[in-house]
N, C-alpha and C. Protein backbone atom coordinates (compact mmCIF):
# COMPACT_ATOMS: atom_id res chain seq x y z
N UNK A 1 -9.61 -10.57 21.35
CA UNK A 1 -9.24 -10.79 20.01
C UNK A 1 -9.93 -9.68 19.19
N UNK A 2 -9.22 -9.21 18.28
CA UNK A 2 -9.58 -7.98 17.48
C UNK A 2 -10.20 -8.73 15.97
N UNK A 3 -11.34 -8.37 15.87
CA UNK A 3 -11.84 -8.94 14.40
C UNK A 3 -11.39 -8.13 13.26
N UNK A 4 -10.42 -8.78 12.52
CA UNK A 4 -9.66 -7.85 11.39
C UNK A 4 -10.65 -7.37 10.21
N UNK A 5 -12.04 -7.89 10.24
CA UNK A 5 -12.84 -7.43 9.61
C UNK A 5 -13.71 -6.25 10.05
N UNK A 6 -13.75 -6.06 11.24
CA UNK A 6 -14.60 -4.92 11.82
C UNK A 6 -14.20 -3.63 11.43
N UNK A 7 -15.24 -2.77 11.26
CA UNK A 7 -15.18 -1.42 10.81
C UNK A 7 -14.25 -0.42 11.40
N UNK A 8 -13.96 -0.85 12.89
CA UNK A 8 -13.10 -0.12 13.62
C UNK A 8 -11.52 -0.60 13.21
N UNK A 9 -11.45 -1.89 12.95
CA UNK A 9 -10.18 -2.26 12.78
C UNK A 9 -9.57 -1.96 11.28
N UNK A 10 -10.72 -1.94 10.37
CA UNK A 10 -10.47 -1.29 9.00
C UNK A 10 -10.17 0.16 9.02
N UNK A 11 -10.78 0.99 9.83
CA UNK A 11 -10.65 2.25 9.86
C UNK A 11 -9.30 2.63 10.40
N UNK A 12 -8.75 1.73 11.52
CA UNK A 12 -7.55 1.90 12.05
C UNK A 12 -6.33 1.66 10.86
N UNK A 13 -6.53 0.73 10.41
CA UNK A 13 -5.62 0.15 9.17
C UNK A 13 -5.47 1.18 7.98
N UNK A 14 -6.76 1.68 7.42
CA UNK A 14 -6.50 2.92 6.72
C UNK A 14 -5.96 4.25 7.32
N UNK A 15 -6.34 4.42 8.59
CA UNK A 15 -5.45 5.47 9.11
C UNK A 15 -4.22 5.42 9.33
N UNK A 16 -3.58 4.33 9.78
CA UNK A 16 -2.28 4.10 9.81
C UNK A 16 -1.45 4.31 8.37
N UNK A 17 -2.00 3.73 7.29
CA UNK A 17 -1.56 3.68 6.01
C UNK A 17 -1.56 5.22 5.66
N UNK A 18 -2.86 6.02 5.87
CA UNK A 18 -2.86 7.23 5.47
C UNK A 18 -1.81 8.24 6.29
N UNK A 19 -1.64 7.99 7.38
CA UNK A 19 -0.55 8.60 8.29
C UNK A 19 0.90 8.69 7.72
N UNK A 20 1.16 7.20 7.48
CA UNK A 20 2.42 6.94 7.00
C UNK A 20 2.70 7.78 5.53
N UNK A 21 1.67 7.70 4.76
CA UNK A 21 1.80 8.39 3.64
C UNK A 21 1.76 9.86 3.57
N UNK A 22 1.21 10.51 4.44
CA UNK A 22 1.14 11.85 4.68
C UNK A 22 2.38 12.31 5.10
N UNK A 23 2.98 11.65 6.07
CA UNK A 23 4.61 11.80 6.61
C UNK A 23 5.44 11.48 5.43
N UNK A 24 5.27 10.61 4.73
CA UNK A 24 6.35 10.54 3.62
C UNK A 24 6.35 11.69 2.51
N UNK A 25 4.96 12.09 2.38
CA UNK A 25 4.81 13.02 1.29
C UNK A 25 5.35 14.40 2.03
N UNK A 26 5.20 14.40 3.30
CA UNK A 26 5.71 15.75 3.96
C UNK A 26 7.13 15.84 4.09
N UNK A 27 7.82 14.51 3.79
CA UNK A 27 9.43 14.57 3.80
C UNK A 27 9.90 14.27 5.17
N UNK A 28 8.93 13.44 6.02
CA UNK A 28 9.56 12.89 7.29
C UNK A 28 9.69 11.43 7.26
N UNK A 29 10.85 10.91 6.94
CA UNK A 29 11.17 9.60 6.85
C UNK A 29 10.98 8.74 8.19
N UNK A 30 11.40 9.40 9.19
CA UNK A 30 11.21 8.65 10.49
C UNK A 30 9.68 8.43 10.77
N UNK A 31 8.90 9.31 10.59
CA UNK A 31 7.48 9.01 10.83
C UNK A 31 6.85 8.00 9.89
N UNK A 32 7.58 7.83 8.74
CA UNK A 32 7.15 7.08 7.79
C UNK A 32 7.42 5.57 7.88
N UNK A 33 8.35 5.47 8.96
CA UNK A 33 8.96 4.27 9.15
C UNK A 33 10.24 4.02 8.40
N UNK A 34 10.73 4.93 7.64
CA UNK A 34 11.95 4.76 6.89
C UNK A 34 13.00 5.60 7.55
N UNK A 35 14.24 5.26 7.30
CA UNK A 35 15.51 5.93 7.59
C UNK A 35 16.22 6.20 6.30
N UNK A 36 15.62 5.91 5.18
CA UNK A 36 16.32 6.24 3.89
C UNK A 36 16.22 7.64 3.51
N UNK A 37 16.57 7.69 2.23
CA UNK A 37 16.56 8.96 1.71
C UNK A 37 15.08 9.60 1.48
N UNK A 38 14.77 10.56 1.52
CA UNK A 38 13.69 11.19 1.39
C UNK A 38 13.33 11.58 -0.17
N UNK A 39 12.15 11.27 -0.81
CA UNK A 39 11.96 11.42 -2.14
C UNK A 39 11.71 13.07 -2.26
N UNK A 40 12.15 13.38 -3.42
CA UNK A 40 11.81 14.69 -4.05
C UNK A 40 10.33 14.97 -4.10
N UNK A 41 10.24 16.36 -4.29
CA UNK A 41 8.71 16.57 -4.22
C UNK A 41 8.14 16.02 -5.54
N UNK A 42 8.82 16.26 -6.84
CA UNK A 42 8.03 15.58 -7.94
C UNK A 42 7.87 14.14 -7.94
N UNK A 43 8.78 13.28 -7.23
CA UNK A 43 8.72 11.94 -6.99
C UNK A 43 7.54 11.63 -5.93
N UNK A 44 7.42 12.49 -5.02
CA UNK A 44 6.28 12.37 -4.13
C UNK A 44 4.95 12.58 -4.86
N UNK A 45 4.97 13.43 -5.59
CA UNK A 45 3.58 13.67 -6.30
C UNK A 45 3.46 12.49 -7.20
N UNK A 46 4.22 11.98 -7.81
CA UNK A 46 4.14 10.62 -8.77
C UNK A 46 3.63 9.45 -7.88
N UNK A 47 4.22 9.45 -6.67
CA UNK A 47 3.95 8.38 -5.75
C UNK A 47 2.51 8.54 -5.52
N UNK A 48 1.88 9.56 -5.18
CA UNK A 48 0.71 9.81 -4.97
C UNK A 48 -0.23 9.45 -6.10
N UNK A 49 0.10 9.52 -7.34
CA UNK A 49 -0.53 9.15 -8.48
C UNK A 49 -0.73 7.66 -8.53
N UNK A 50 0.39 7.01 -7.98
CA UNK A 50 0.34 5.50 -8.00
C UNK A 50 -0.64 5.04 -6.99
N UNK A 51 -0.25 5.51 -5.76
CA UNK A 51 -1.45 5.37 -4.76
C UNK A 51 -2.89 5.22 -4.97
N UNK A 52 -3.32 6.19 -5.87
CA UNK A 52 -4.51 6.64 -6.32
C UNK A 52 -4.89 5.62 -7.21
N UNK A 53 -4.03 5.35 -8.07
CA UNK A 53 -4.20 4.43 -9.06
C UNK A 53 -4.46 2.89 -8.53
N UNK A 54 -3.85 2.67 -7.46
CA UNK A 54 -3.83 1.25 -6.87
C UNK A 54 -5.26 1.28 -6.24
N UNK A 55 -5.64 2.35 -5.56
CA UNK A 55 -7.01 2.26 -4.79
C UNK A 55 -8.16 2.02 -5.88
N UNK A 56 -7.84 2.88 -7.29
CA UNK A 56 -8.87 2.68 -8.15
C UNK A 56 -8.91 1.34 -8.66
N UNK A 57 -7.69 0.82 -8.92
CA UNK A 57 -7.73 -0.62 -9.51
C UNK A 57 -8.29 -1.54 -8.57
N UNK A 58 -8.13 -1.33 -7.10
CA UNK A 58 -8.65 -2.41 -6.27
C UNK A 58 -10.10 -2.20 -6.17
N UNK A 59 -10.69 -0.98 -6.43
CA UNK A 59 -12.06 -0.87 -6.21
C UNK A 59 -12.92 -1.40 -7.72
N UNK A 60 -12.14 -1.40 -8.51
CA UNK A 60 -12.45 -1.99 -10.09
C UNK A 60 -12.35 -3.60 -10.01
N UNK A 61 -11.19 -4.03 -9.58
CA UNK A 61 -10.84 -5.48 -9.95
C UNK A 61 -11.31 -6.38 -8.47
N UNK A 62 -11.19 -5.78 -7.22
CA UNK A 62 -11.34 -6.48 -6.04
C UNK A 62 -10.28 -7.51 -5.79
N UNK A 63 -10.74 -8.49 -5.11
CA UNK A 63 -9.77 -9.51 -4.77
C UNK A 63 -9.72 -10.58 -5.68
N UNK A 64 -8.67 -11.57 -5.60
CA UNK A 64 -8.71 -12.71 -6.62
C UNK A 64 -9.84 -13.37 -6.24
N UNK A 65 -9.80 -14.38 -7.13
CA UNK A 65 -10.99 -15.58 -6.78
C UNK A 65 -10.61 -16.22 -5.35
N UNK A 66 -9.48 -16.68 -5.49
CA UNK A 66 -8.87 -17.44 -4.26
C UNK A 66 -8.95 -16.65 -2.97
N UNK A 67 -8.87 -15.34 -3.05
CA UNK A 67 -9.01 -14.40 -1.63
C UNK A 67 -10.52 -14.39 -1.39
N UNK A 68 -11.19 -14.10 -2.53
CA UNK A 68 -12.76 -14.11 -2.32
C UNK A 68 -13.24 -15.38 -1.67
N UNK A 69 -12.82 -16.46 -2.06
CA UNK A 69 -13.43 -17.74 -1.73
C UNK A 69 -12.74 -18.01 -0.17
N UNK A 70 -11.54 -17.46 0.18
CA UNK A 70 -11.04 -17.74 1.37
C UNK A 70 -11.96 -16.72 2.46
N UNK A 71 -12.25 -15.60 1.98
CA UNK A 71 -13.13 -14.54 2.85
C UNK A 71 -14.47 -15.28 3.10
N UNK A 72 -14.87 -15.80 1.87
CA UNK A 72 -16.56 -16.50 2.05
C UNK A 72 -16.30 -17.54 3.06
N UNK A 73 -15.18 -18.42 3.06
CA UNK A 73 -15.00 -19.75 3.81
C UNK A 73 -14.88 -19.19 5.25
N UNK A 74 -14.10 -18.28 5.67
CA UNK A 74 -13.75 -17.89 6.95
C UNK A 74 -14.51 -16.64 7.63
N UNK A 75 -14.78 -15.74 6.61
CA UNK A 75 -15.50 -14.63 7.32
C UNK A 75 -14.65 -13.64 7.66
N UNK A 76 -13.30 -13.91 7.58
CA UNK A 76 -12.36 -12.92 7.91
C UNK A 76 -11.32 -12.94 6.64
N UNK A 77 -10.24 -11.98 7.02
CA UNK A 77 -9.05 -12.10 5.92
C UNK A 77 -9.23 -10.96 5.04
N UNK A 78 -10.44 -10.25 4.91
CA UNK A 78 -10.56 -9.35 3.66
C UNK A 78 -9.68 -8.23 3.99
N UNK A 79 -9.50 -7.66 5.11
CA UNK A 79 -8.40 -6.55 5.29
C UNK A 79 -7.08 -6.92 4.85
N UNK A 80 -6.65 -8.13 5.25
CA UNK A 80 -5.28 -8.50 4.82
C UNK A 80 -5.05 -8.64 3.47
N UNK A 81 -6.16 -9.31 2.64
CA UNK A 81 -6.18 -9.57 1.21
C UNK A 81 -6.25 -7.98 0.49
N UNK A 82 -7.07 -7.03 1.04
CA UNK A 82 -7.19 -5.87 0.35
C UNK A 82 -5.71 -5.14 0.32
N UNK A 83 -5.01 -5.36 1.44
CA UNK A 83 -3.79 -4.85 1.71
C UNK A 83 -2.72 -5.46 0.82
N UNK A 84 -2.80 -6.69 0.52
CA UNK A 84 -1.99 -7.54 -0.48
C UNK A 84 -2.25 -6.95 -1.97
N UNK A 85 -3.64 -6.66 -2.18
CA UNK A 85 -3.90 -6.15 -3.60
C UNK A 85 -3.38 -4.84 -3.75
N UNK A 86 -3.55 -3.98 -2.72
CA UNK A 86 -2.96 -2.76 -2.92
C UNK A 86 -1.49 -2.50 -3.19
N UNK A 87 -0.96 -3.39 -2.21
CA UNK A 87 0.61 -3.47 -2.27
C UNK A 87 1.18 -3.89 -3.67
N UNK A 88 0.41 -4.88 -4.09
CA UNK A 88 0.76 -5.60 -5.66
C UNK A 88 0.42 -4.50 -6.47
N UNK A 89 -0.83 -3.81 -6.66
CA UNK A 89 -0.87 -2.86 -7.68
C UNK A 89 -0.08 -1.64 -7.76
N UNK A 90 0.22 -1.15 -6.59
CA UNK A 90 1.07 -0.07 -6.28
C UNK A 90 2.70 -0.23 -6.87
N UNK A 91 3.07 -1.38 -6.49
CA UNK A 91 4.50 -1.76 -6.68
C UNK A 91 4.31 -2.14 -8.37
N UNK A 92 3.41 -2.73 -8.92
CA UNK A 92 3.55 -2.98 -10.34
C UNK A 92 3.47 -1.70 -11.18
N UNK A 93 2.52 -0.70 -10.79
CA UNK A 93 2.55 0.49 -11.13
C UNK A 93 3.78 1.42 -11.16
N UNK A 94 4.41 1.43 -9.96
CA UNK A 94 5.75 2.10 -9.92
C UNK A 94 6.88 1.45 -10.78
N UNK A 95 6.80 0.17 -10.65
CA UNK A 95 7.82 -0.49 -11.54
C UNK A 95 7.72 -0.27 -13.13
N UNK A 96 6.48 0.10 -13.52
CA UNK A 96 6.24 0.14 -15.01
C UNK A 96 6.28 1.73 -15.35
N UNK A 97 6.69 2.69 -14.50
CA UNK A 97 6.77 4.07 -14.49
C UNK A 97 8.32 4.43 -14.80
N UNK A 98 8.58 4.86 -15.89
CA UNK A 98 9.84 5.17 -16.33
C UNK A 98 10.43 6.56 -15.73
N UNK A 99 9.29 7.36 -15.09
CA UNK A 99 10.13 8.44 -14.34
C UNK A 99 10.52 8.07 -12.89
N UNK A 100 10.15 6.70 -12.55
CA UNK A 100 10.75 6.26 -11.21
C UNK A 100 11.47 5.18 -11.42
N UNK A 101 12.21 4.83 -12.61
CA UNK A 101 13.12 3.76 -12.94
C UNK A 101 14.41 3.82 -12.04
N UNK A 102 14.56 4.88 -11.58
CA UNK A 102 15.79 4.74 -10.62
C UNK A 102 15.65 4.33 -9.19
N UNK A 103 14.33 4.26 -8.71
CA UNK A 103 14.06 3.57 -7.51
C UNK A 103 14.01 2.13 -7.42
N UNK A 104 14.26 1.68 -6.15
CA UNK A 104 14.25 0.32 -5.97
C UNK A 104 12.90 0.02 -5.37
N UNK A 105 12.36 -1.06 -5.39
CA UNK A 105 11.06 -1.71 -4.96
C UNK A 105 11.31 -2.98 -3.99
N UNK A 106 11.00 -2.78 -2.86
CA UNK A 106 11.34 -3.87 -1.80
C UNK A 106 10.26 -4.94 -2.16
N UNK A 107 10.90 -6.16 -2.31
CA UNK A 107 10.07 -7.45 -2.65
C UNK A 107 8.98 -7.70 -1.46
N UNK A 108 7.91 -8.24 -1.85
CA UNK A 108 7.02 -8.75 -0.80
C UNK A 108 7.71 -9.51 0.41
N UNK A 109 7.29 -9.53 1.41
CA UNK A 109 7.54 -10.27 2.68
C UNK A 109 9.18 -9.85 3.11
N UNK A 110 9.57 -8.71 2.35
CA UNK A 110 10.96 -8.24 2.95
C UNK A 110 10.95 -7.08 3.59
N UNK A 111 11.42 -6.97 4.72
CA UNK A 111 11.05 -5.64 5.66
C UNK A 111 12.05 -4.66 4.98
N UNK A 112 11.09 -3.55 4.97
CA UNK A 112 11.55 -2.19 4.53
C UNK A 112 10.58 -1.47 3.85
N UNK A 113 10.82 -0.15 3.36
CA UNK A 113 9.86 0.71 2.75
C UNK A 113 9.47 0.09 1.33
N UNK A 114 8.38 0.50 0.83
CA UNK A 114 8.02 -0.23 -0.25
C UNK A 114 8.95 0.29 -1.49
N UNK A 115 9.21 1.50 -1.49
CA UNK A 115 10.33 2.12 -2.44
C UNK A 115 11.34 2.64 -1.89
N UNK A 116 12.54 2.59 -2.30
CA UNK A 116 13.76 3.16 -2.02
C UNK A 116 14.20 4.14 -3.18
């Protein structure tokens, strides 16, 4: 079994996210896991702002109290909770950006790209 809190696992997760974002920014939807329309260059740059903002917000706010308690209790789940926080922060930020008001945000737990 792979320990989801191990450094190797976390590095792999960040690598996969980084690869998907790089492919999305390069305009390669198939490599990013989407067969939908490719974002325009200015939209891609704006999305990068939101990714950076989500990472900064995670560094500042961290996990929720409940998530911290679960990590302390189990010694696991931190990577999953970090991913949930990043997803939440990113989607909140995109939803509040009038420059991206024409895009649709895929709800949590629904298969598909984060933003269409």
